[in-house]
Amino acid sequence: MTVFSPTDRAAFAANYPEVPHKLEHRLGRHPLLELDALAKLAEALPESSIEYNKADLPLGIDGKPDPTGIPIGETIRRIEQTGSWAALKNIEQVPEYAALLADLLAEIQPEIEAKTGRMLKTQAFVFITSPGGVTPYHFDPEHNILLQIRGSKVMTQFPAGDAIYAPDEVHETYHTGGGRELVWRDELLAGGREFALSPGDALFVPVMAPHFVRNGPEPSVSLSITWRSEWSFAEADARAFNAVLRRIGLKPQSTGRWPHGNRAKALGWRVIRKLRGQA
């Protein structure tokens, strides 16, 4: 069974890589994504691949949220009562989940590679959220399709590459090893676009598009399938090079979004990394 229909693949091809849009998926309540299976997965993953905390958070946070103190397996199995948000990262470390990721991406690989070239660094994440939970305002460095498996949520997305919503300095800090949390101001909300997601819905999130998520009145499970491209790596490296320029007192021009290659600055950062022995 295919998960994305020809109609959805065509819609994806028309909008990728810069336009957020909804799709439909036919993954259903996959056995690998049921709560008990996810709890066992979390208990098997290394600690570095698990993040979980309280779900009742403001849209903007300063630093890491407080932990709940509830073990991750119990957090997931009792997600309706634990008031938690959990992220299982790089689930492709486990062969069954790696196969699921590969199958899903294979369906849309031709559409992806026609625009941004070979898929690089494919990864998958699962988000398990208690009723009413909030994922604060932030951005991610990957091309991303979020598949809603259970429950409902509303993601509010903001334009990628617009310094009003994510200042260049925050991008530069993130791509040189810092955090990616963004300062929330209520006046930003007018520039956001809401996407309501129910089981069977999927949402494409462009690289580094700022967003926040509010969970619905029931527990939620979402699967995020992600990939990088040479273009996305070049933008990230150009951002890092801008950080170097800013540290020596210059005011660098912001990086270009797709299809701009950002090649000169990206090469500059890669040379710096090589000289530092980080390549």
Protein backbone atom coordinates (compact mmCIF):
# COMPACT_ATOMS: atom_id res chain seq x y z
CA MET A 1 0.00 0.00 0.00
CA THR A 2 1.26 3.46 -0.88
CA VAL A 3 0.99 6.13 1.80
CA PHE A 4 0.90 9.21 -0.45
CA SER A 5 -1.54 9.26 -3.37
CA PRO A 6 -0.56 10.49 -6.86
CA THR A 7 -2.62 13.64 -6.19
CA ASP A 8 -0.69 14.37 -3.01
CA ARG A 9 2.63 13.66 -4.68
CA ALA A 10 1.71 16.15 -7.40
CA ALA A 11 0.76 18.75 -4.78
CA PHE A 12 4.03 18.15 -2.98
CA ALA A 13 6.01 18.51 -6.22
CA ALA A 14 4.27 21.82 -6.98
CA ASN A 15 5.06 23.31 -3.55
CA TYR A 16 8.39 21.82 -2.50
CA PRO A 17 10.75 23.12 -1.15
CA GLU A 18 9.54 26.55 -0.02
CA VAL A 19 5.74 26.52 0.32
CA PRO A 20 4.10 24.99 3.40
CA HIS A 21 1.10 22.85 2.50
CA LYS A 22 -1.08 20.03 3.76
CA LEU A 23 -1.17 16.51 2.34
CA GLU A 24 -3.03 13.33 3.19
CA HIS A 25 -1.40 10.07 4.21
CA ARG A 26 -2.63 6.51 4.47
CA LEU A 27 -0.25 5.27 7.13
CA GLY A 28 -3.08 4.79 9.61
CA ARG A 29 -2.51 3.59 13.17
CA HIS A 30 0.73 1.82 12.33
CA PRO A 31 1.72 -0.81 14.94
CA LEU A 32 5.17 0.74 15.34
CA LEU A 33 3.49 4.01 16.34
CA GLU A 34 1.13 2.72 19.03
CA LEU A 35 1.85 3.99 22.54
CA ASP A 36 3.21 0.74 23.98
CA ALA A 37 5.52 0.26 20.98
CA LEU A 38 6.75 3.85 21.34
CA ALA A 39 7.32 3.40 25.07
CA LYS A 40 9.46 0.33 24.36
CA LEU A 41 11.30 2.27 21.65
CA ALA A 42 12.01 5.13 24.06
CA GLU A 43 13.32 2.72 26.68
CA ALA A 44 15.68 1.21 24.08
CA LEU A 45 17.01 4.46 22.61
CA PRO A 46 20.12 6.14 24.06
CA GLU A 47 19.42 8.98 26.48
CA SER A 48 20.72 11.51 23.95
CA SER A 49 17.86 10.56 21.61
CA ILE A 50 15.10 11.32 24.11
CA GLU A 51 13.75 14.71 25.12
CA TYR A 52 10.73 15.11 27.35
CA ASN A 53 9.35 17.71 29.69
CA LYS A 54 6.18 19.39 30.85
CA ALA A 55 3.65 20.03 28.09
CA ASP A 56 2.07 23.12 29.65
CA LEU A 57 4.52 25.68 28.28
CA PRO A 58 4.34 29.26 26.99
CA LEU A 59 4.90 29.91 23.29
CA GLY A 60 8.30 31.41 24.04
CA ILE A 61 10.77 29.87 26.49
CA ASP A 62 14.18 30.90 27.81
CA GLY A 63 16.36 27.81 28.12
CA LYS A 64 15.33 24.19 28.67
CA PRO A 65 11.88 23.45 30.15
CA ASP A 66 11.69 21.71 33.53
CA PRO A 67 11.63 17.89 33.45
CA THR A 68 8.62 16.06 34.86
CA GLY A 69 10.53 13.45 36.83
CA ILE A 70 8.37 10.68 35.34
CA PRO A 71 10.31 7.89 33.56
CA ILE A 72 10.03 8.05 29.78
CA GLY A 73 8.23 4.70 29.41
CA GLU A 74 5.58 5.68 31.92
CA THR A 75 5.38 9.16 30.39
CA ILE A 76 4.37 7.67 27.05
CA ARG A 77 2.15 4.84 28.25
CA ARG A 78 0.19 7.27 30.42
CA ILE A 79 0.47 10.29 28.13
CA GLU A 80 -3.19 11.18 28.67
CA GLN A 81 -2.48 11.82 32.37
CA THR A 82 1.21 12.79 32.60
CA GLY A 83 0.95 16.35 31.23
CA SER A 84 4.03 15.77 29.11
CA TRP A 85 5.64 16.35 25.75
CA ALA A 86 8.13 13.76 24.48
CA ALA A 87 10.33 13.65 21.39
CA LEU A 88 12.04 10.45 20.27
CA LYS A 89 14.90 11.48 18.00
CA ASN A 90 16.63 9.57 15.23
CA ILE A 91 14.35 6.58 15.56
CA GLU A 92 16.00 5.24 12.40
CA GLN A 93 18.64 3.87 14.80
CA VAL A 94 16.23 0.95 15.21
CA PRO A 95 15.97 -1.24 12.07
CA GLU A 96 12.16 -1.45 11.97
CA TYR A 97 11.83 2.32 12.12
CA ALA A 98 14.65 2.81 9.61
CA ALA A 99 12.69 0.63 7.18
CA LEU A 100 9.52 2.66 7.77
CA LEU A 101 11.38 5.92 7.10
CA ALA A 102 12.98 4.54 3.95
CA ASP A 103 9.64 3.31 2.61
CA LEU A 104 7.95 6.68 3.18
CA LEU A 105 10.73 8.76 1.65
CA ALA A 106 11.04 6.42 -1.34
CA GLU A 107 7.50 7.37 -2.38
CA ILE A 108 8.42 11.04 -2.78
CA GLN A 109 12.11 10.72 -3.62
CA PRO A 110 11.65 11.61 -7.32
CA GLU A 111 9.81 14.83 -6.44
CA ILE A 112 12.44 15.77 -3.87
CA GLU A 113 15.47 15.09 -6.02
CA ALA A 114 14.00 16.92 -9.03
CA LYS A 115 14.14 20.16 -7.00
CA THR A 116 16.90 19.93 -4.38
CA GLY A 117 19.02 16.98 -5.50
CA ARG A 118 20.01 13.89 -3.57
CA MET A 119 18.43 13.34 -0.17
CA LEU A 120 21.04 13.59 2.58
CA LYS A 121 20.97 12.71 6.29
CA THR A 122 17.48 11.16 6.35
CA GLN A 123 16.07 11.06 9.88
CA ALA A 124 12.78 10.44 11.68
CA PHE A 125 11.33 11.75 14.92
CA VAL A 126 8.20 10.90 16.90
CA PHE A 127 6.35 13.42 19.06
CA ILE A 128 4.00 12.24 21.82
CA THR A 129 2.01 14.98 23.54
CA SER A 130 -0.52 15.18 26.34
CA PRO A 131 -3.85 16.96 25.81
CA GLY A 132 -3.42 20.72 25.49
CA GLY A 133 0.37 20.55 25.28
CA VAL A 134 2.45 23.25 23.58
CA THR A 135 5.62 22.99 21.51
CA PRO A 136 7.19 26.46 21.85
CA TYR A 137 8.24 28.75 19.01
CA HIS A 138 11.36 27.49 17.22
CA PHE A 139 12.75 26.38 13.84
CA ASP A 140 14.34 23.18 12.50
CA PRO A 141 17.16 22.75 9.96
CA GLU A 142 15.58 19.93 7.93
CA HIS A 143 13.07 19.55 5.13
CA ASN A 144 10.19 17.98 7.05
CA ILE A 145 6.85 16.26 6.53
CA LEU A 146 4.87 15.82 9.75
CA LEU A 147 2.35 12.96 9.68
CA GLN A 148 -0.43 13.11 12.26
CA ILE A 149 -1.11 9.58 13.52
CA ARG A 150 -3.30 10.04 16.59
CA GLY A 151 -5.10 13.00 18.13
CA SER A 152 -5.09 16.51 16.74
CA LYS A 153 -2.97 19.64 16.83
CA VAL A 154 -2.64 23.03 15.19
CA MET A 155 0.74 24.14 13.89
CA THR A 156 1.21 27.85 13.26
CA GLN A 157 3.95 28.46 10.72
CA PHE A 158 5.74 31.68 9.83
CA PRO A 159 7.67 32.62 6.68
CA ALA A 160 11.08 30.97 6.40
CA GLY A 161 14.01 33.29 5.86
CA ASP A 162 12.24 36.41 7.17
CA ALA A 163 14.30 38.07 9.88
CA ILE A 164 11.16 39.52 11.45
CA TYR A 165 10.27 36.05 12.70
CA ALA A 166 13.74 34.55 13.13
CA PRO A 167 16.58 37.10 13.33
CA ASP A 168 19.73 36.35 11.37
CA GLU A 169 21.75 36.42 14.59
CA VAL A 170 19.69 33.52 16.02
CA HIS A 171 20.28 31.46 12.89
CA GLU A 172 23.99 32.24 13.07
CA THR A 173 24.19 31.26 16.73
CA TYR A 174 22.38 27.99 16.06
CA HIS A 175 24.59 27.01 13.13
CA THR A 176 27.72 27.63 15.19
CA GLY A 177 26.58 25.42 18.07
CA GLY A 178 23.98 27.45 19.98
CA GLY A 179 20.26 27.13 20.57
CA ARG A 180 17.37 27.65 18.18
CA GLU A 181 14.72 29.00 20.54
CA LEU A 182 13.14 32.18 19.30
CA VAL A 183 11.82 35.14 21.27
CA TRP A 184 8.04 35.23 21.03
CA ARG A 185 6.13 38.50 20.74
CA ASP A 186 2.37 38.54 20.42
CA GLU A 187 2.49 40.94 17.46
CA LEU A 188 4.16 38.18 15.40
CA LEU A 189 0.96 36.14 15.40
CA ALA A 190 -0.60 38.15 12.55
CA GLY A 191 2.09 36.81 10.20
CA GLY A 192 1.45 33.17 11.02
CA ARG A 193 -0.59 30.61 9.13
CA GLU A 194 -2.50 27.94 11.02
CA PHE A 195 -2.62 24.32 9.87
CA ALA A 196 -5.08 22.06 11.70
CA LEU A 197 -3.99 18.42 11.69
CA SER A 198 -6.08 15.33 12.39
CA PRO A 199 -5.22 11.63 11.87
CA GLY A 200 -4.50 11.10 8.18
CA ASP A 201 -3.25 14.67 7.66
CA ALA A 202 0.36 15.54 6.87
CA LEU A 203 2.08 18.91 6.71
CA PHE A 204 5.21 20.01 4.87
CA VAL A 205 7.43 22.37 6.88
CA PRO A 206 10.14 24.21 4.90
CA VAL A 207 13.71 24.34 6.19
CA MET A 208 14.01 26.72 9.15
CA ALA A 209 10.40 27.92 8.97
CA PRO A 210 9.56 29.20 12.47
CA HIS A 211 6.54 27.52 14.06
CA PHE A 212 4.79 26.56 17.27
CA VAL A 213 2.27 23.81 17.96
CA ARG A 214 -0.79 23.57 20.20
CA ASN A 215 -2.09 20.08 20.90
CA GLY A 216 -5.79 19.23 20.85
CA PRO A 217 -7.95 17.83 23.67
CA GLU A 218 -6.64 14.27 23.35
CA PRO A 219 -3.19 12.64 23.34
CA SER A 220 -1.28 13.15 20.10
CA VAL A 221 1.23 11.04 18.20
CA SER A 222 3.02 12.56 15.19
CA LEU A 223 5.76 11.17 12.96
CA SER A 224 8.24 13.56 11.39
CA ILE A 225 10.16 12.33 8.34
CA THR A 226 13.07 14.60 7.43
CA TRP A 227 15.96 14.96 5.05
CA ARG A 228 18.66 17.45 4.20
CA SER A 229 19.90 18.63 0.82
CA GLU A 230 23.11 20.20 -0.38
CA TRP A 231 21.11 23.42 -0.67
CA SER A 232 20.01 23.28 2.98
CA PHE A 233 23.54 22.50 4.14
CA ALA A 234 24.88 25.39 2.05
CA GLU A 235 22.44 27.82 3.65
CA ALA A 236 23.37 26.57 7.12
CA ASP A 237 27.08 26.90 6.37
CA ALA A 238 26.58 30.38 4.92
CA ARG A 239 24.77 31.36 8.13
CA ALA A 240 27.74 30.12 10.14
CA PHE A 241 30.14 32.11 7.93
CA ASN A 242 28.02 35.21 8.54
CA ALA A 243 28.52 34.65 12.26
CA VAL A 244 32.28 34.86 11.69
CA LEU A 245 31.89 38.08 9.71
CA ARG A 246 29.66 39.57 12.40
CA ARG A 247 32.21 38.72 15.13
CA ILE A 248 34.86 40.79 13.34
CA GLY A 249 32.57 43.80 13.16
CA LEU A 250 31.00 43.43 9.73
CA LYS A 251 27.29 43.48 8.91
CA PRO A 252 26.86 40.60 6.46
CA GLN A 253 24.04 40.35 3.99
CA SER A 254 21.51 37.66 4.88
CA THR A 255 21.73 34.34 3.09
CA GLY A 256 19.46 33.63 0.13
CA ARG A 257 16.64 31.12 0.17
CA TRP A 258 16.19 28.44 -2.48
CA PRO A 259 17.18 28.37 -5.29
CA HIS A 260 20.08 30.64 -4.29
CA GLY A 261 23.10 28.43 -3.64
CA ASN A 262 25.00 30.50 -1.04
CA ARG A 263 28.06 28.72 -2.39
CA ALA A 264 30.77 31.31 -1.69
CA LYS A 265 29.94 31.77 1.98
CA ALA A 266 29.29 28.05 2.43
CA LEU A 267 32.73 27.30 1.00
CA GLY A 268 34.22 29.92 3.31
CA TRP A 269 32.76 28.21 6.39
CA ARG A 270 33.86 24.78 5.19
CA VAL A 271 37.42 26.05 4.79
CA ILE A 272 37.31 27.48 8.33
CA ARG A 273 36.04 24.17 9.71
CA LYS A 274 38.80 22.29 7.91
CA LEU A 275 41.44 24.63 9.30
CA ARG A 276 40.00 24.05 12.78
CA GLY A 277 40.12 20.30 12.26
CA GLN A 278 36.33 20.00 12.36
CA ALA A 279 35.75 18.79 8.80
